[in-house]
Structures are given as structure tokens and as C-alpha cells.
Amino acid sequence: NASAMLFTSAKVSHLSNLPQGGPERPRRVLKMIAQHDQEGFGACTNTGECEAACPAGISLSHIARLNREFVRATVCSEEGA
């Protein structure tokens, strides 16, 4: 379900804002998405239903950040190749 995507994206956003986490950013996002997929969790759509239903109030902006981090890591990292 999409709640796992909201949680993962919020955690990626949180960790990417920490200065000491900078060097680990690409590897971390790739590993978190790989684990998310391995667990069989689904993605959130752009309709925003998951945001509306989220009891923690996590916004879709976190998913947008997750997608940016993931694309950047995939393009710039040897692990993503």
C-alpha cells in the first residue's frame, strides 16, 4: 500500500536534510527503494489519496523529493547502473 511509500519518502527527506548524511545520500536512497520494492509495497499515485488518508499528515512533497533523490542517485551512481 502507499502508506509505506509516504513513510519511506518522509524518512529520505528527513535524512537528506542532515548535513552529516550528505555523502550517504545516493546509496541510502537506492537501498531504501530496493528494500521497499523487495517488501512488495506499492507506490503512491499523483492523485494524492495517500496524503489525504495519512494519519501522520505526510505530504506528497516528500514523495517528490524521494523521486528527485532517486533519479539523481540512479543517474550519478555506479550502483544505479
C-alpha atoms as a PDB file:
ATOM      1  CA  ASN A   1       0.000   0.000   0.000  1.00  0.00           C
ATOM      2  CA  ALA A   2       1.003   3.603  -0.433  1.00  0.00           C
ATOM      3  CA  SER A   3       1.481   4.369   3.258  1.00  0.00           C
ATOM      4  CA  ALA A   4       4.860   2.654   3.101  1.00  0.00           C
ATOM      5  CA  MET A   5       5.840   4.994   0.262  1.00  0.00           C
ATOM      6  CA  LEU A   6       4.845   8.001   2.372  1.00  0.00           C
ATOM      7  CA  PHE A   7       6.892   6.732   5.312  1.00  0.00           C
ATOM      8  CA  THR A   8       9.922   5.934   3.135  1.00  0.00           C
ATOM      9  CA  SER A   9       9.757   9.298   1.406  1.00  0.00           C
ATOM     10  CA  ALA A  10       9.455  11.163   4.711  1.00  0.00           C
ATOM     11  CA  LYS A  11      12.475   9.308   6.066  1.00  0.00           C
ATOM     12  CA  VAL A  12      14.520  10.032   2.921  1.00  0.00           C
ATOM     13  CA  SER A  13      13.553  13.721   3.193  1.00  0.00           C
ATOM     14  CA  HIS A  14      14.480  13.812   6.856  1.00  0.00           C
ATOM     15  CA  LEU A  15      17.857  12.153   6.368  1.00  0.00           C
ATOM     16  CA  SER A  16      18.726  14.199   3.284  1.00  0.00           C
ATOM     17  CA  ASN A  17      18.393  17.388   5.339  1.00  0.00           C
ATOM     18  CA  LEU A  18      21.061  16.280   7.798  1.00  0.00           C
ATOM     19  CA  PRO A  19      24.488  17.656   6.835  1.00  0.00           C
ATOM     20  CA  GLN A  20      26.349  14.562   8.010  1.00  0.00           C
ATOM     21  CA  GLY A  21      24.158  12.373   5.799  1.00  0.00           C
ATOM     22  CA  GLY A  22      25.278  14.019   2.558  1.00  0.00           C
ATOM     23  CA  PRO A  23      27.919  11.505   1.490  1.00  0.00           C
ATOM     24  CA  GLU A  24      25.492   8.613   2.016  1.00  0.00           C
ATOM     25  CA  ARG A  25      22.526  10.163   0.186  1.00  0.00           C
ATOM     26  CA  PRO A  26      22.764   8.350  -3.166  1.00  0.00           C
ATOM     27  CA  ARG A  27      23.499   4.929  -1.705  1.00  0.00           C
ATOM     28  CA  ARG A  28      20.886   5.322   1.030  1.00  0.00           C
ATOM     29  CA  VAL A  29      18.020   6.228  -1.304  1.00  0.00           C
ATOM     30  CA  LEU A  30      18.874   3.375  -3.681  1.00  0.00           C
ATOM     31  CA  LYS A  31      18.950   0.866  -0.829  1.00  0.00           C
ATOM     32  CA  MET A  32      15.742   2.184   0.750  1.00  0.00           C
ATOM     33  CA  ILE A  33      13.846   1.953  -2.535  1.00  0.00           C
ATOM     34  CA  ALA A  34      15.275  -1.510  -3.218  1.00  0.00           C
ATOM     35  CA  GLN A  35      14.098  -2.699   0.213  1.00  0.00           C
ATOM     36  CA  HIS A  36      10.708  -1.046  -0.289  1.00  0.00           C
ATOM     37  CA  ASP A  37      10.284  -2.903  -3.584  1.00  0.00           C
ATOM     38  CA  GLN A  38      11.570  -6.180  -2.136  1.00  0.00           C
ATOM     39  CA  GLU A  39       8.934  -5.985   0.613  1.00  0.00           C
ATOM     40  CA  GLY A  40       6.253  -5.670  -2.066  1.00  0.00           C
ATOM     41  CA  PHE A  41       4.960  -2.239  -1.097  1.00  0.00           C
ATOM     42  CA  GLY A  42       3.220  -0.185  -3.734  1.00  0.00           C
ATOM     43  CA  ALA A  43       3.845   3.341  -4.858  1.00  0.00           C
ATOM     44  CA  CYS A  44       1.671   6.356  -4.213  1.00  0.00           C
ATOM     45  CA  THR A  45      -0.086   7.878  -7.199  1.00  0.00           C
ATOM     46  CA  ASN A  46      -0.176  11.574  -8.032  1.00  0.00           C
ATOM     47  CA  THR A  47      -3.868  11.801  -7.141  1.00  0.00           C
ATOM     48  CA  GLY A  48      -2.983  12.447  -3.510  1.00  0.00           C
ATOM     49  CA  GLU A  49      -5.286   9.870  -1.957  1.00  0.00           C
ATOM     50  CA  CYS A  50      -2.495   8.584   0.259  1.00  0.00           C
ATOM     51  CA  GLU A  51      -1.798  12.102   1.558  1.00  0.00           C
ATOM     52  CA  ALA A  52      -5.459  12.645   2.389  1.00  0.00           C
ATOM     53  CA  ALA A  53      -5.675   9.320   4.227  1.00  0.00           C
ATOM     54  CA  CYS A  54      -2.350   9.603   6.075  1.00  0.00           C
ATOM     55  CA  PRO A  55      -2.946   9.998   9.820  1.00  0.00           C
ATOM     56  CA  ALA A  56       0.543  11.486  10.247  1.00  0.00           C
ATOM     57  CA  GLY A  57      -0.149  14.227   7.694  1.00  0.00           C
ATOM     58  CA  ILE A  58       2.849  13.398   5.484  1.00  0.00           C
ATOM     59  CA  SER A  59       2.643  15.461   2.304  1.00  0.00           C
ATOM     60  CA  LEU A  60       3.252  14.478  -1.298  1.00  0.00           C
ATOM     61  CA  SER A  61       6.185  16.896  -1.375  1.00  0.00           C
ATOM     62  CA  HIS A  62       8.186  14.186   0.399  1.00  0.00           C
ATOM     63  CA  ILE A  63       7.453  11.752  -2.430  1.00  0.00           C
ATOM     64  CA  ALA A  64       8.566  14.389  -4.933  1.00  0.00           C
ATOM     65  CA  ARG A  65      11.825  14.766  -3.013  1.00  0.00           C
ATOM     66  CA  LEU A  66      12.252  10.987  -2.878  1.00  0.00           C
ATOM     67  CA  ASN A  67      11.813  10.797  -6.645  1.00  0.00           C
ATOM     68  CA  ARG A  68      14.393  13.562  -7.197  1.00  0.00           C
ATOM     69  CA  GLU A  69      16.871  11.868  -4.866  1.00  0.00           C
ATOM     70  CA  PHE A  70      16.273   8.508  -6.545  1.00  0.00           C
ATOM     71  CA  VAL A  71      16.704   9.841 -10.084  1.00  0.00           C
ATOM     72  CA  ARG A  72      19.839  11.746  -9.082  1.00  0.00           C
ATOM     73  CA  ALA A  73      21.293   8.657  -7.392  1.00  0.00           C
ATOM     74  CA  THR A  74      20.416   6.416 -10.333  1.00  0.00           C
ATOM     75  CA  VAL A  75      21.998   8.744 -12.884  1.00  0.00           C
ATOM     76  CA  CYS A  76      25.073   9.693 -10.850  1.00  0.00           C
ATOM     77  CA  SER A  77      25.885   6.439  -9.076  1.00  0.00           C
ATOM     78  CA  GLU A  78      27.581   3.284 -10.238  1.00  0.00           C
ATOM     79  CA  GLU A  79      25.159   1.321  -8.029  1.00  0.00           C
ATOM     80  CA  GLY A  80      22.258   2.591 -10.110  1.00  0.00           C
ATOM     81  CA  ALA A  81      23.771   1.310 -13.336  1.00  0.00           C
END
